[in-house]
Amino acid sequence: MRAARALIGISQAELALRAGVSVPTIKRCESEGEKIPVVSSETQQKIRTVLEAAGIEFIPENGGGPGVRLAKKTTS
C-alpha cells in the first residue's frame, strides 16, 4: 500500500479520507512484519477501490512476490 501511495503521490491522511477510514487504519495496513490481516476485508476493499480508481494496478505474486504499478492509460 505504501508503494501504491507513493506512485500516485498521496499521503496516508489523503488515502484515509478518500477511503472513509481512519489514519491509524492506514498505518496498521502499512505496518511491516504483519503476518495476518490487520483490518477487515471490507476495509481492505475500500482502500483497494480508491487506489485502483487513482490508477494503481495490483500485480499478483508470480514468483517475485506481489506488487503494484501504475495502470497503462488506454487511448480511445
Protein backbone atom coordinates (compact mmCIF):
# COMPACT_ATOMS: atom_id res chain seq x y z
CA MET A 1 0.00 0.00 0.00
CA ARG A 2 2.86 2.35 0.78
CA ALA A 3 4.28 1.82 -2.73
CA ALA A 4 0.87 2.43 -4.28
CA ARG A 5 0.52 5.70 -2.37
CA ALA A 6 3.98 6.78 -3.49
CA LEU A 7 3.15 6.08 -7.14
CA ILE A 8 0.14 8.38 -7.04
CA GLY A 9 1.63 10.88 -4.60
CA ILE A 10 -0.90 10.85 -1.78
CA SER A 11 -0.42 10.84 1.98
CA GLN A 12 -1.82 8.41 4.50
CA ALA A 13 -4.29 11.11 5.53
CA GLU A 14 -5.49 11.63 1.95
CA LEU A 15 -5.94 7.90 1.38
CA ALA A 16 -7.82 7.58 4.65
CA LEU A 17 -10.13 10.46 3.69
CA ARG A 18 -10.83 9.06 0.23
CA ALA A 19 -11.47 5.55 1.57
CA GLY A 20 -13.57 6.67 4.52
CA VAL A 21 -11.29 5.07 7.10
CA SER A 22 -9.05 6.46 9.85
CA VAL A 23 -5.36 7.32 9.50
CA PRO A 24 -4.48 4.74 12.19
CA THR A 25 -6.20 2.12 9.99
CA ILE A 26 -3.95 3.06 7.07
CA LYS A 27 -0.92 2.91 9.37
CA ARG A 28 -1.93 -0.57 10.55
CA CYS A 29 -2.29 -1.73 6.95
CA GLU A 30 1.17 -0.45 6.14
CA SER A 31 2.91 -1.78 9.23
CA GLU A 32 5.73 -4.10 8.33
CA GLY A 33 6.07 -7.65 9.51
CA GLU A 34 2.36 -8.34 9.90
CA LYS A 35 1.59 -11.98 9.13
CA ILE A 36 -2.18 -11.71 9.35
CA PRO A 37 -4.59 -9.09 8.03
CA VAL A 38 -4.83 -6.22 10.47
CA VAL A 39 -8.07 -4.79 9.08
CA SER A 40 -11.32 -6.29 7.85
CA SER A 41 -11.74 -7.45 4.27
CA GLU A 42 -14.38 -4.72 3.83
CA THR A 43 -11.84 -2.06 4.81
CA GLN A 44 -9.20 -3.61 2.57
CA GLN A 45 -11.66 -3.45 -0.34
CA LYS A 46 -12.47 0.22 0.33
CA ILE A 47 -8.78 1.10 0.21
CA ARG A 48 -8.13 -1.03 -2.86
CA THR A 49 -11.06 0.58 -4.69
CA VAL A 50 -9.66 4.06 -4.04
CA LEU A 51 -6.17 3.07 -5.17
CA GLU A 52 -7.44 1.38 -8.33
CA ALA A 53 -9.60 4.41 -9.17
CA ALA A 54 -6.45 6.53 -8.89
CA GLY A 55 -4.66 4.36 -11.45
CA ILE A 56 -2.99 1.65 -9.38
CA GLU A 57 -2.86 -1.88 -10.72
CA PHE A 58 -2.20 -4.72 -8.29
CA ILE A 59 0.16 -7.40 -9.59
CA PRO A 60 -0.35 -10.94 -8.29
CA GLU A 61 2.51 -12.94 -6.85
CA ASN A 62 4.35 -14.56 -9.74
CA GLY A 63 7.49 -15.91 -8.18
CA GLY A 64 8.85 -12.47 -7.34
CA GLY A 65 6.14 -11.50 -4.90
CA PRO A 66 3.04 -9.34 -5.24
CA GLY A 67 3.39 -5.70 -6.23
CA VAL A 68 1.78 -2.58 -7.64
CA ARG A 69 2.26 -0.40 -10.69
CA LEU A 70 0.52 2.43 -12.48
CA ALA A 71 -2.01 1.09 -14.94
CA LYS A 72 -1.30 1.88 -18.56
CA LYS A 73 -3.52 4.58 -19.94
CA THR A 74 -5.65 3.48 -22.85
CA THR A 75 -6.14 5.70 -25.82
CA SER A 76 -9.52 5.92 -27.46
